[in-house]
Amino acid sequence: MNRGNFIVVDGVDGVGKSVIELALLERIGGEVFDSVSWSKENLGERPDVSLTGECDVVLTAEPTYSGLGSDIRRTLISNLKRGVFPYGLLIGAYSLDRDIQLRNLVLPVLARGRDVVQSRSVASSLCYQTLSAEDEGLDPVAVRDEVLRSTGNVFELSYAPDLLIIPTIGKVEDLMLRFEARGKKDDAIFEKMDFLERVKVCYESDWLREIFEKSGSAVAYLDAGISIESTREQAIDIYDAWLATGKIPREFRKIPSS
């Protein structure tokens, strides 16, 4: 049986990753096992391949919503706890959570010839965690290297996504308006405007793209600042072209102009 496709959507908070994921799930079609919803309904348990049955595609997220991933979301990335936990612990926590999900769910599903659509990846660690460390007075390049050496991150890059879609947006101010409209206030430093500006630069950097391309990923960018419908259409155009040719169309290979 042919291996399934591993598709990751990663980008700055509020940029529209869920819109893209839903569009991809609808385009792939068939029965979906939503590991995110399952984890929220089964706190303290981790989903594995045995739960996926005969589904055609699995939806996942990083960090996960169970076990260590739940601790990361509720405690480690809270602004109230900022500075309490050293950056090295954060790198290790994300890396281990990533490793467990890969071994128990993602890779076994792919081996069965089924697709996985995932929100976030080691790209998030490379962007968010290195900038958080920089705010602690550390060298971001050195921390980035440490992220790349962490076992779970090495493991994920050895099974890098076949397709990585990075949605971008021209103005970070638009993201703040989206947060306000959603009433999203979880006290995370990641939703502060100055931090988001820096994260946006990371996601649009050549060094991030090169890391994934060297690992075998096809990297595509789309403009998520036009409209929800445009975001969906661009995601499907990228997916269809990549599925047919294994390549990214020229218009999606570079950062969209603002």
C-alpha atoms as a PDB file:
ATOM      1  CA  MET A   1       0.000   0.000   0.000  1.00  0.00           C
ATOM      2  CA  ASN A   2       1.278   3.473  -0.831  1.00  0.00           C
ATOM      3  CA  ARG A   3       2.158   5.787   2.031  1.00  0.00           C
ATOM      4  CA  GLY A   4      -0.377   8.497   2.803  1.00  0.00           C
ATOM      5  CA  ASN A   5       0.288  12.214   2.438  1.00  0.00           C
ATOM      6  CA  PHE A   6       1.429  14.259   5.430  1.00  0.00           C
ATOM      7  CA  ILE A   7       0.220  17.850   5.082  1.00  0.00           C
ATOM      8  CA  VAL A   8       1.013  20.542   7.648  1.00  0.00           C
ATOM      9  CA  VAL A   9      -0.418  24.049   7.952  1.00  0.00           C
ATOM     10  CA  ASP A  10       1.746  26.329  10.073  1.00  0.00           C
ATOM     11  CA  GLY A  11       1.890  30.047  10.650  1.00  0.00           C
ATOM     12  CA  VAL A  12       1.448  32.939  13.036  1.00  0.00           C
ATOM     13  CA  ASP A  13      -1.484  32.884  15.466  1.00  0.00           C
ATOM     14  CA  GLY A  14      -4.819  34.015  14.026  1.00  0.00           C
ATOM     15  CA  VAL A  15      -3.771  33.806  10.381  1.00  0.00           C
ATOM     16  CA  GLY A  16      -6.442  31.287   9.365  1.00  0.00           C
ATOM     17  CA  LYS A  17      -4.890  27.841   9.706  1.00  0.00           C
ATOM     18  CA  SER A  18      -8.217  26.222  10.616  1.00  0.00           C
ATOM     19  CA  VAL A  19      -9.828  27.611   7.448  1.00  0.00           C
ATOM     20  CA  ILE A  20      -7.117  25.952   5.351  1.00  0.00           C
ATOM     21  CA  GLU A  21      -7.302  22.675   7.264  1.00  0.00           C
ATOM     22  CA  LEU A  22     -11.068  22.445   6.751  1.00  0.00           C
ATOM     23  CA  ALA A  23     -10.704  23.203   3.044  1.00  0.00           C
ATOM     24  CA  LEU A  24      -8.097  20.456   2.697  1.00  0.00           C
ATOM     25  CA  LEU A  25     -10.203  17.926   4.600  1.00  0.00           C
ATOM     26  CA  GLU A  26     -13.172  18.654   2.359  1.00  0.00           C
ATOM     27  CA  ARG A  27     -11.012  18.400  -0.757  1.00  0.00           C
ATOM     28  CA  ILE A  28      -9.433  15.102   0.276  1.00  0.00           C
ATOM     29  CA  GLY A  29     -12.877  13.796   1.145  1.00  0.00           C
ATOM     30  CA  GLY A  30     -13.965  10.679   2.948  1.00  0.00           C
ATOM     31  CA  GLU A  31     -14.271   9.925   6.641  1.00  0.00           C
ATOM     32  CA  VAL A  32     -12.221  12.064   9.035  1.00  0.00           C
ATOM     33  CA  PHE A  33     -10.874  11.067  12.434  1.00  0.00           C
ATOM     34  CA  ASP A  34     -10.535  14.328  14.374  1.00  0.00           C
ATOM     35  CA  SER A  35      -7.890  13.598  17.009  1.00  0.00           C
ATOM     36  CA  VAL A  36      -8.233  17.132  18.374  1.00  0.00           C
ATOM     37  CA  SER A  37     -11.938  16.758  19.214  1.00  0.00           C
ATOM     38  CA  TRP A  38     -11.355  13.235  20.509  1.00  0.00           C
ATOM     39  CA  SER A  39      -8.633  14.450  22.875  1.00  0.00           C
ATOM     40  CA  LYS A  40     -10.805  17.256  24.224  1.00  0.00           C
ATOM     41  CA  GLU A  41     -13.548  14.736  24.953  1.00  0.00           C
ATOM     42  CA  ASN A  42     -11.164  12.188  26.499  1.00  0.00           C
ATOM     43  CA  LEU A  43      -8.947  14.222  28.794  1.00  0.00           C
ATOM     44  CA  GLY A  44      -5.909  12.394  30.070  1.00  0.00           C
ATOM     45  CA  GLU A  45      -5.876   9.893  27.199  1.00  0.00           C
ATOM     46  CA  ARG A  46      -3.904   9.947  23.969  1.00  0.00           C
ATOM     47  CA  PRO A  47      -5.386   8.937  20.613  1.00  0.00           C
ATOM     48  CA  ASP A  48      -3.536   6.299  18.614  1.00  0.00           C
ATOM     49  CA  VAL A  49      -3.946   4.541  15.291  1.00  0.00           C
ATOM     50  CA  SER A  50      -6.296   1.920  16.755  1.00  0.00           C
ATOM     51  CA  LEU A  51      -9.014   4.576  17.042  1.00  0.00           C
ATOM     52  CA  THR A  52      -8.907   5.648  13.413  1.00  0.00           C
ATOM     53  CA  GLY A  53     -10.744   2.618  12.002  1.00  0.00           C
ATOM     54  CA  GLU A  54     -11.293   2.835   8.274  1.00  0.00           C
ATOM     55  CA  CYS A  55     -11.090   6.620   8.119  1.00  0.00           C
ATOM     56  CA  ASP A  56      -9.589   8.252   5.043  1.00  0.00           C
ATOM     57  CA  VAL A  57      -7.822  11.176   6.725  1.00  0.00           C
ATOM     58  CA  VAL A  58      -6.763  12.138  10.250  1.00  0.00           C
ATOM     59  CA  LEU A  59      -6.700  15.660  11.673  1.00  0.00           C
ATOM     60  CA  THR A  60      -3.981  16.372  14.243  1.00  0.00           C
ATOM     61  CA  ALA A  61      -2.400  19.365  15.967  1.00  0.00           C
ATOM     62  CA  GLU A  62       0.784  20.327  17.782  1.00  0.00           C
ATOM     63  CA  PRO A  63       0.995  20.638  20.658  1.00  0.00           C
ATOM     64  CA  THR A  64      -1.576  17.911  21.206  1.00  0.00           C
ATOM     65  CA  TYR A  65      -4.674  18.353  23.348  1.00  0.00           C
ATOM     66  CA  SER A  66      -3.904  15.430  25.639  1.00  0.00           C
ATOM     67  CA  GLY A  67      -1.259  14.530  28.203  1.00  0.00           C
ATOM     68  CA  LEU A  68       1.864  16.622  27.877  1.00  0.00           C
ATOM     69  CA  GLY A  69       0.356  18.667  25.060  1.00  0.00           C
ATOM     70  CA  SER A  70      -2.472  19.716  27.333  1.00  0.00           C
ATOM     71  CA  ASP A  71       0.028  20.798  29.985  1.00  0.00           C
ATOM     72  CA  ILE A  72       1.884  22.852  27.379  1.00  0.00           C
ATOM     73  CA  ARG A  73      -1.293  24.627  26.329  1.00  0.00           C
ATOM     74  CA  ARG A  74      -2.685  25.260  29.811  1.00  0.00           C
ATOM     75  CA  THR A  75       0.476  26.044  31.737  1.00  0.00           C
ATOM     76  CA  LEU A  76       3.760  26.377  29.884  1.00  0.00           C
ATOM     77  CA  ILE A  77       2.728  28.960  27.283  1.00  0.00           C
ATOM     78  CA  SER A  78       0.588  31.107  29.564  1.00  0.00           C
ATOM     79  CA  ASN A  79       1.845  34.656  29.878  1.00  0.00           C
ATOM     80  CA  LEU A  80       1.214  34.380  33.604  1.00  0.00           C
ATOM     81  CA  LYS A  81       3.891  31.674  33.754  1.00  0.00           C
ATOM     82  CA  ARG A  82       6.364  33.399  31.465  1.00  0.00           C
ATOM     83  CA  GLY A  83       9.836  33.207  32.929  1.00  0.00           C
ATOM     84  CA  VAL A  84       8.881  30.476  35.408  1.00  0.00           C
ATOM     85  CA  PHE A  85       9.882  27.655  33.091  1.00  0.00           C
ATOM     86  CA  PRO A  86      13.313  27.775  31.397  1.00  0.00           C
ATOM     87  CA  TYR A  87      13.392  27.718  27.611  1.00  0.00           C
ATOM     88  CA  GLY A  88      15.187  24.354  27.599  1.00  0.00           C
ATOM     89  CA  LEU A  89      12.259  22.739  29.385  1.00  0.00           C
ATOM     90  CA  LEU A  90       9.876  24.162  26.796  1.00  0.00           C
ATOM     91  CA  ILE A  91      11.966  22.807  23.935  1.00  0.00           C
ATOM     92  CA  GLY A  92      12.004  19.377  25.547  1.00  0.00           C
ATOM     93  CA  ALA A  93       8.275  19.384  26.292  1.00  0.00           C
ATOM     94  CA  TYR A  94       7.272  20.282  22.743  1.00  0.00           C
ATOM     95  CA  SER A  95       9.776  17.815  21.327  1.00  0.00           C
ATOM     96  CA  LEU A  96       8.549  14.899  23.464  1.00  0.00           C
ATOM     97  CA  ASP A  97       4.875  15.640  22.793  1.00  0.00           C
ATOM     98  CA  ARG A  98       5.690  15.747  19.069  1.00  0.00           C
ATOM     99  CA  ASP A  99       7.607  12.473  19.212  1.00  0.00           C
ATOM    100  CA  ILE A 100       4.813  10.589  20.984  1.00  0.00           C
ATOM    101  CA  GLN A 101       2.144  11.693  18.531  1.00  0.00           C
ATOM    102  CA  LEU A 102       4.320  10.821  15.538  1.00  0.00           C
ATOM    103  CA  ARG A 103       4.988   7.300  16.779  1.00  0.00           C
ATOM    104  CA  ASN A 104       1.497   6.499  18.075  1.00  0.00           C
ATOM    105  CA  LEU A 105      -0.701   8.175  15.482  1.00  0.00           C
ATOM    106  CA  VAL A 106       0.782  10.055  12.541  1.00  0.00           C
ATOM    107  CA  LEU A 107       3.299   7.555  11.177  1.00  0.00           C
ATOM    108  CA  PRO A 108       1.076   4.467  11.629  1.00  0.00           C
ATOM    109  CA  VAL A 109      -1.775   6.261   9.837  1.00  0.00           C
ATOM    110  CA  LEU A 110       0.505   7.245   6.956  1.00  0.00           C
ATOM    111  CA  ALA A 111       1.804   3.685   6.766  1.00  0.00           C
ATOM    112  CA  ARG A 112      -1.778   2.517   6.195  1.00  0.00           C
ATOM    113  CA  GLY A 113      -1.966   4.727   3.130  1.00  0.00           C
ATOM    114  CA  ARG A 114      -4.144   7.379   4.717  1.00  0.00           C
ATOM    115  CA  ASP A 115      -3.567  11.109   4.841  1.00  0.00           C
ATOM    116  CA  VAL A 116      -2.805  13.313   7.834  1.00  0.00           C
ATOM    117  CA  VAL A 117      -3.626  17.025   7.972  1.00  0.00           C
ATOM    118  CA  GLN A 118      -1.884  18.712  10.877  1.00  0.00           C
ATOM    119  CA  SER A 119      -1.909  22.133  12.481  1.00  0.00           C
ATOM    120  CA  ARG A 120       1.615  23.289  13.385  1.00  0.00           C
ATOM    121  CA  SER A 121       4.897  21.415  13.475  1.00  0.00           C
ATOM    122  CA  VAL A 122       8.523  21.885  14.442  1.00  0.00           C
ATOM    123  CA  ALA A 123       8.308  25.116  12.421  1.00  0.00           C
ATOM    124  CA  SER A 124       6.361  26.589  15.331  1.00  0.00           C
ATOM    125  CA  SER A 125       9.147  25.685  17.751  1.00  0.00           C
ATOM    126  CA  LEU A 126      11.746  27.186  15.442  1.00  0.00           C
ATOM    127  CA  CYS A 127       9.820  30.469  15.315  1.00  0.00           C
ATOM    128  CA  TYR A 128       8.095  30.880  18.663  1.00  0.00           C
ATOM    129  CA  GLN A 129      10.508  29.194  21.034  1.00  0.00           C
ATOM    130  CA  THR A 130      13.626  30.846  19.653  1.00  0.00           C
ATOM    131  CA  LEU A 131      12.038  34.288  19.915  1.00  0.00           C
ATOM    132  CA  SER A 132      10.871  33.584  23.458  1.00  0.00           C
ATOM    133  CA  ALA A 133      14.437  32.611  24.333  1.00  0.00           C
ATOM    134  CA  GLU A 134      15.715  35.806  22.693  1.00  0.00           C
ATOM    135  CA  ASP A 135      13.474  37.770  25.051  1.00  0.00           C
ATOM    136  CA  GLU A 136      15.319  36.058  27.901  1.00  0.00           C
ATOM    137  CA  GLY A 137      18.574  37.492  26.554  1.00  0.00           C
ATOM    138  CA  LEU A 138      19.700  34.359  24.702  1.00  0.00           C
ATOM    139  CA  ASP A 139      21.138  34.039  21.208  1.00  0.00           C
ATOM    140  CA  PRO A 140      18.199  33.030  18.950  1.00  0.00           C
ATOM    141  CA  VAL A 141      20.449  31.265  16.444  1.00  0.00           C
ATOM    142  CA  ALA A 142      21.984  29.128  19.187  1.00  0.00           C
ATOM    143  CA  VAL A 143      18.544  28.288  20.544  1.00  0.00           C
ATOM    144  CA  ARG A 144      17.326  27.446  17.045  1.00  0.00           C
ATOM    145  CA  ASP A 145      20.204  25.008  16.741  1.00  0.00           C
ATOM    146  CA  GLU A 146      19.182  23.492  20.071  1.00  0.00           C
ATOM    147  CA  VAL A 147      15.624  23.080  18.814  1.00  0.00           C
ATOM    148  CA  LEU A 148      16.963  21.285  15.750  1.00  0.00           C
ATOM    149  CA  ARG A 149      19.035  18.934  17.911  1.00  0.00           C
ATOM    150  CA  SER A 150      16.161  17.926  20.205  1.00  0.00           C
ATOM    151  CA  THR A 151      15.232  14.282  19.661  1.00  0.00           C
ATOM    152  CA  GLY A 152      11.563  14.679  18.804  1.00  0.00           C
ATOM    153  CA  ASN A 153      12.295  17.515  16.412  1.00  0.00           C
ATOM    154  CA  VAL A 154      15.005  15.519  14.666  1.00  0.00           C
ATOM    155  CA  PHE A 155      12.526  12.676  14.396  1.00  0.00           C
ATOM    156  CA  GLU A 156       9.801  14.842  12.853  1.00  0.00           C
ATOM    157  CA  LEU A 157      12.162  16.363  10.312  1.00  0.00           C
ATOM    158  CA  SER A 158      13.256  12.865   9.322  1.00  0.00           C
ATOM    159  CA  TYR A 159       9.580  12.316   8.445  1.00  0.00           C
ATOM    160  CA  ALA A 160       9.006  15.904   7.360  1.00  0.00           C
ATOM    161  CA  PRO A 161       5.628  16.892   5.932  1.00  0.00           C
ATOM    162  CA  ASP A 162       5.218  16.192   2.251  1.00  0.00           C
ATOM    163  CA  LEU A 163       3.480  19.547   1.906  1.00  0.00           C
ATOM    164  CA  LEU A 164       3.922  22.533   4.240  1.00  0.00           C
ATOM    165  CA  ILE A 165       1.506  25.418   3.710  1.00  0.00           C
ATOM    166  CA  ILE A 166       2.381  28.710   5.415  1.00  0.00           C
ATOM    167  CA  PRO A 167      -0.436  31.288   5.337  1.00  0.00           C
ATOM    168  CA  THR A 168       0.787  34.866   5.564  1.00  0.00           C
ATOM    169  CA  ILE A 169      -0.820  38.242   6.144  1.00  0.00           C
ATOM    170  CA  GLY A 170       0.353  41.717   5.252  1.00  0.00           C
ATOM    171  CA  LYS A 171      -0.348  43.568   8.498  1.00  0.00           C
ATOM    172  CA  VAL A 172      -0.128  42.165  11.996  1.00  0.00           C
ATOM    173  CA  GLU A 173      -2.714  44.772  13.024  1.00  0.00           C
ATOM    174  CA  ASP A 174      -5.266  42.678  11.118  1.00  0.00           C
ATOM    175  CA  LEU A 175      -4.459  39.702  13.343  1.00  0.00           C
ATOM    176  CA  MET A 176      -5.122  41.763  16.453  1.00  0.00           C
ATOM    177  CA  LEU A 177      -8.522  42.719  15.057  1.00  0.00           C
ATOM    178  CA  ARG A 178      -9.274  39.042  14.506  1.00  0.00           C
ATOM    179  CA  PHE A 179      -8.382  38.250  18.112  1.00  0.00           C
ATOM    180  CA  GLU A 180     -10.692  41.003  19.316  1.00  0.00           C
ATOM    181  CA  ALA A 181     -13.532  39.778  17.107  1.00  0.00           C
ATOM    182  CA  ARG A 182     -13.100  36.246  18.468  1.00  0.00           C
ATOM    183  CA  GLY A 183     -12.831  37.418  22.056  1.00  0.00           C
ATOM    184  CA  LYS A 184      -9.705  35.295  22.361  1.00  0.00           C
ATOM    185  CA  LYS A 185      -7.921  36.192  25.587  1.00  0.00           C
ATOM    186  CA  ASP A 186      -5.842  33.303  26.898  1.00  0.00           C
ATOM    187  CA  ASP A 187      -3.052  35.528  28.230  1.00  0.00           C
ATOM    188  CA  ALA A 188      -0.458  34.107  25.874  1.00  0.00           C
ATOM    189  CA  ILE A 189       2.580  36.223  25.037  1.00  0.00           C
ATOM    190  CA  PHE A 190       2.251  34.864  21.505  1.00  0.00           C
ATOM    191  CA  GLU A 191      -0.699  37.183  20.866  1.00  0.00           C
ATOM    192  CA  LYS A 192       1.107  40.426  21.648  1.00  0.00           C
ATOM    193  CA  MET A 193       1.561  42.632  18.608  1.00  0.00           C
ATOM    194  CA  ASP A 194       5.307  43.201  18.843  1.00  0.00           C
ATOM    195  CA  PHE A 195       5.919  39.481  19.307  1.00  0.00           C
ATOM    196  CA  LEU A 196       3.665  38.597  16.366  1.00  0.00           C
ATOM    197  CA  GLU A 197       5.598  41.003  14.142  1.00  0.00           C
ATOM    198  CA  ARG A 198       8.792  39.110  14.885  1.00  0.00           C
ATOM    199  CA  VAL A 199       7.144  35.702  14.459  1.00  0.00           C
ATOM    200  CA  LYS A 200       5.811  36.775  11.069  1.00  0.00           C
ATOM    201  CA  VAL A 201       9.372  37.565   9.961  1.00  0.00           C
ATOM    202  CA  CYS A 202      10.473  34.096  11.046  1.00  0.00           C
ATOM    203  CA  TYR A 203       7.736  32.326   9.097  1.00  0.00           C
ATOM    204  CA  GLU A 204       8.621  34.336   5.996  1.00  0.00           C
ATOM    205  CA  SER A 205      12.363  33.708   6.328  1.00  0.00           C
ATOM    206  CA  ASP A 206      14.535  31.858   3.843  1.00  0.00           C
ATOM    207  CA  TRP A 207      16.207  29.879   6.624  1.00  0.00           C
ATOM    208  CA  LEU A 208      12.912  28.288   7.714  1.00  0.00           C
ATOM    209  CA  ARG A 209      11.938  27.380   4.153  1.00  0.00           C
ATOM    210  CA  GLU A 210      15.385  25.901   3.526  1.00  0.00           C
ATOM    211  CA  ILE A 211      15.218  23.694   6.629  1.00  0.00           C
ATOM    212  CA  PHE A 212      12.041  22.058   5.378  1.00  0.00           C
ATOM    213  CA  GLU A 213      13.026  21.882   1.733  1.00  0.00           C
ATOM    214  CA  LYS A 214      16.274  20.150   2.699  1.00  0.00           C
ATOM    215  CA  SER A 215      14.155  17.673   4.669  1.00  0.00           C
ATOM    216  CA  GLY A 216      12.070  16.931   1.582  1.00  0.00           C
ATOM    217  CA  SER A 217       9.023  19.152   2.101  1.00  0.00           C
ATOM    218  CA  ALA A 218       7.328  21.153  -0.630  1.00  0.00           C
ATOM    219  CA  VAL A 219       6.755  24.616   0.896  1.00  0.00           C
ATOM    220  CA  ALA A 220       3.941  26.900  -0.244  1.00  0.00           C
ATOM    221  CA  TYR A 221       2.789  30.359   0.865  1.00  0.00           C
ATOM    222  CA  LEU A 222      -0.684  31.837   0.496  1.00  0.00           C
ATOM    223  CA  ASP A 223      -2.182  35.248   1.171  1.00  0.00           C
ATOM    224  CA  ALA A 224      -4.619  34.819   4.065  1.00  0.00           C
ATOM    225  CA  GLY A 225      -5.398  38.520   4.259  1.00  0.00           C
ATOM    226  CA  ILE A 226      -7.837  38.761   1.337  1.00  0.00           C
ATOM    227  CA  SER A 227     -10.893  36.835   2.500  1.00  0.00           C
ATOM    228  CA  ILE A 228     -11.876  33.487   3.954  1.00  0.00           C
ATOM    229  CA  GLU A 229     -13.077  32.288   0.574  1.00  0.00           C
ATOM    230  CA  SER A 230      -9.839  33.341  -1.111  1.00  0.00           C
ATOM    231  CA  THR A 231      -7.843  31.528   1.565  1.00  0.00           C
ATOM    232  CA  ARG A 232      -9.842  28.351   0.893  1.00  0.00           C
ATOM    233  CA  GLU A 233      -9.428  28.657  -2.873  1.00  0.00           C
ATOM    234  CA  GLN A 234      -5.676  29.225  -2.658  1.00  0.00           C
ATOM    235  CA  ALA A 235      -5.269  26.226  -0.334  1.00  0.00           C
ATOM    236  CA  ILE A 236      -7.141  23.968  -2.746  1.00  0.00           C
ATOM    237  CA  ASP A 237      -5.178  25.306  -5.735  1.00  0.00           C
ATOM    238  CA  ILE A 238      -1.914  24.546  -3.930  1.00  0.00           C
ATOM    239  CA  TYR A 239      -3.064  21.071  -2.906  1.00  0.00           C
ATOM    240  CA  ASP A 240      -4.434  20.117  -6.336  1.00  0.00           C
ATOM    241  CA  ALA A 241      -1.295  21.242  -8.165  1.00  0.00           C
ATOM    242  CA  TRP A 242       1.018  19.555  -5.688  1.00  0.00           C
ATOM    243  CA  LEU A 243      -0.976  16.319  -5.750  1.00  0.00           C
ATOM    244  CA  ALA A 244      -0.915  16.241  -9.556  1.00  0.00           C
ATOM    245  CA  THR A 245       2.697  17.246 -10.145  1.00  0.00           C
ATOM    246  CA  GLY A 246       4.538  17.099  -6.828  1.00  0.00           C
ATOM    247  CA  LYS A 247       5.396  20.773  -7.296  1.00  0.00           C
ATOM    248  CA  ILE A 248       4.202  24.120  -5.965  1.00  0.00           C
ATOM    249  CA  PRO A 249       2.808  26.588  -8.558  1.00  0.00           C
ATOM    250  CA  ARG A 250       5.073  29.566  -9.153  1.00  0.00           C
ATOM    251  CA  GLU A 251       2.660  32.071  -7.581  1.00  0.00           C
ATOM    252  CA  PHE A 252       2.752  30.206  -4.255  1.00  0.00           C
ATOM    253  CA  ARG A 253       6.523  29.748  -3.965  1.00  0.00           C
ATOM    254  CA  LYS A 254       7.231  33.224  -2.637  1.00  0.00           C
ATOM    255  CA  ILE A 255       5.795  35.446   0.091  1.00  0.00           C
ATOM    256  CA  PRO A 256       2.707  37.259  -1.286  1.00  0.00           C
ATOM    257  CA  SER A 257       3.205  40.994  -1.694  1.00  0.00           C
ATOM    258  CA  SER A 258       1.434  43.091   0.920  1.00  0.00           C
END
